[in-house]
Protein backbone atom coordinates (compact mmCIF):
# COMPACT_ATOMS: atom_id res chain seq x y z
CA UNK A 1 -100.45 -25.89 70.43
CA UNK A 2 -103.37 -27.98 70.64
CA UNK A 3 -101.52 -30.83 68.58
CA UNK A 4 -98.94 -30.58 70.62
CA UNK A 5 -100.90 -30.90 73.95
CA UNK A 6 -102.86 -33.81 72.20
CA UNK A 7 -99.55 -35.60 71.67
CA UNK A 8 -98.26 -35.11 74.89
CA UNK A 9 -101.52 -36.13 76.58
CA UNK A 10 -101.40 -39.27 74.31
CA UNK A 11 -97.95 -39.96 75.51
CA UNK A 12 -98.93 -40.52 79.06
CA UNK A 13 -101.60 -41.72 80.92
CA UNK A 14 -101.32 -38.60 83.50
CA UNK A 15 -102.85 -35.08 82.62
CA UNK A 16 -100.66 -33.11 80.14
CA UNK A 17 -98.90 -29.93 81.49
CA UNK A 18 -99.93 -26.60 80.32
CA UNK A 19 -97.58 -25.64 77.84
CA UNK A 20 -96.92 -21.86 77.27
CA UNK A 21 -95.70 -22.08 73.75
CA UNK A 22 -96.35 -19.93 70.41
CA UNK A 23 -98.31 -22.33 67.85
CA UNK A 24 -96.17 -23.81 65.10
CA UNK A 25 -93.37 -26.09 64.90
CA UNK A 26 -91.27 -27.00 68.05
CA UNK A 27 -88.56 -24.82 68.97
CA UNK A 28 -86.17 -27.65 68.96
CA UNK A 29 -86.30 -31.35 67.71
CA UNK A 30 -88.07 -33.48 69.94
CA UNK A 31 -89.21 -30.46 72.39
CA UNK A 32 -92.45 -32.52 73.62
CA UNK A 33 -89.90 -35.44 74.77
CA UNK A 34 -87.82 -33.26 76.42
CA UNK A 35 -90.58 -31.41 78.02
CA UNK A 36 -92.16 -34.70 79.45
CA UNK A 37 -88.76 -35.36 80.99
CA UNK A 38 -88.91 -31.94 82.55
CA UNK A 39 -92.63 -32.80 83.50
CA UNK A 40 -91.18 -35.92 85.58
CA UNK A 41 -88.35 -33.87 87.03
CA UNK A 42 -90.93 -31.53 88.54
CA UNK A 43 -93.38 -33.98 89.41
CA UNK A 44 -90.47 -35.88 91.42
CA UNK A 45 -88.55 -32.75 92.92
CA UNK A 46 -91.50 -30.41 93.90
CA UNK A 47 -94.55 -32.94 94.00
CA UNK A 48 -96.55 -30.04 91.73
CA UNK A 49 -99.72 -31.03 90.17
CA UNK A 50 -99.36 -31.04 86.41
CA UNK A 51 -101.98 -28.41 85.96
CA UNK A 52 -100.22 -26.00 88.30
CA UNK A 53 -97.32 -24.83 86.05
CA UNK A 54 -96.02 -24.39 82.74
CA UNK A 55 -93.05 -25.44 80.73
CA UNK A 56 -91.69 -23.71 77.96
CA UNK A 57 -88.38 -23.32 75.69
CA UNK A 58 -86.37 -20.51 76.68
CA UNK A 59 -83.10 -20.85 74.93
CA UNK A 60 -79.74 -22.89 74.54
CA UNK A 61 -76.32 -22.83 76.48
CA UNK A 62 -73.77 -24.83 74.52
CA UNK A 63 -75.23 -28.26 73.74
CA UNK A 64 -77.77 -28.06 76.57
CA UNK A 65 -81.29 -26.40 76.64
CA UNK A 66 -82.99 -24.16 78.85
CA UNK A 67 -86.53 -24.32 79.72
CA UNK A 68 -88.69 -22.46 82.07
CA UNK A 69 -91.02 -23.68 84.63
CA UNK A 70 -93.68 -21.08 85.79
CA UNK A 71 -95.87 -21.97 88.74
CA UNK A 72 -99.05 -20.53 88.66
CA UNK A 73 -100.13 -19.55 92.25
CA UNK A 74 -103.84 -19.75 91.13
CA UNK A 75 -104.42 -16.13 89.83
CA UNK A 76 -104.41 -16.99 86.18
CA UNK A 77 -101.21 -15.54 85.66
CA UNK A 78 -97.50 -17.24 85.76
CA UNK A 79 -95.21 -14.58 87.20
CA UNK A 80 -91.40 -15.66 86.48
CA UNK A 81 -90.15 -13.09 89.10
CA UNK A 82 -91.12 -12.44 92.60
CA UNK A 83 -93.19 -15.32 93.37
CA UNK A 84 -90.92 -16.67 96.23
CA UNK A 85 -88.81 -18.45 94.13
CA UNK A 86 -91.74 -20.98 93.01
CA UNK A 87 -90.65 -20.39 89.25
CA UNK A 88 -87.54 -21.73 87.58
CA UNK A 89 -85.30 -22.25 84.77
CA UNK A 90 -83.80 -25.79 83.92
CA UNK A 91 -80.66 -26.61 82.13
CA UNK A 92 -81.45 -29.70 80.34
CA UNK A 93 -79.19 -32.01 78.74
CA UNK A 94 -80.67 -33.55 75.58
CA UNK A 95 -78.54 -36.36 75.07
CA UNK A 96 -78.84 -37.72 78.64
CA UNK A 97 -82.71 -36.67 78.75
CA UNK A 98 -81.92 -35.30 82.33
CA UNK A 99 -82.04 -31.96 84.17
CA UNK A 100 -78.50 -31.10 84.83
CA UNK A 101 -79.48 -28.31 87.37
CA UNK A 102 -81.99 -25.48 88.20
CA UNK A 103 -81.45 -21.73 87.35
CA UNK A 104 -83.41 -19.16 89.17
CA UNK A 105 -84.74 -15.81 87.82
CA UNK A 106 -83.42 -12.77 89.42
């Protein structure tokens, strides 16, 4: 995890987003690049500061990837359900490097 955060910090001039991931290899190839694209998406669509949320790999849907974006309301715990829709998932197309759409937790 610390190497992934370091690599992410070196790739950008902005502060690295907190990544809630298990230590070890990435879940998918180029995961750090994909997360960086999602960070840009969240920054542009929500205006959230980089240290106010986490991004983690969630799974696959066909050729697309699903990442969860968990907003931290300041209580040091990210709640994906019942936090007034702040947290969400994104369907990410690795070929175009773009978020295709947002998905919400029930």
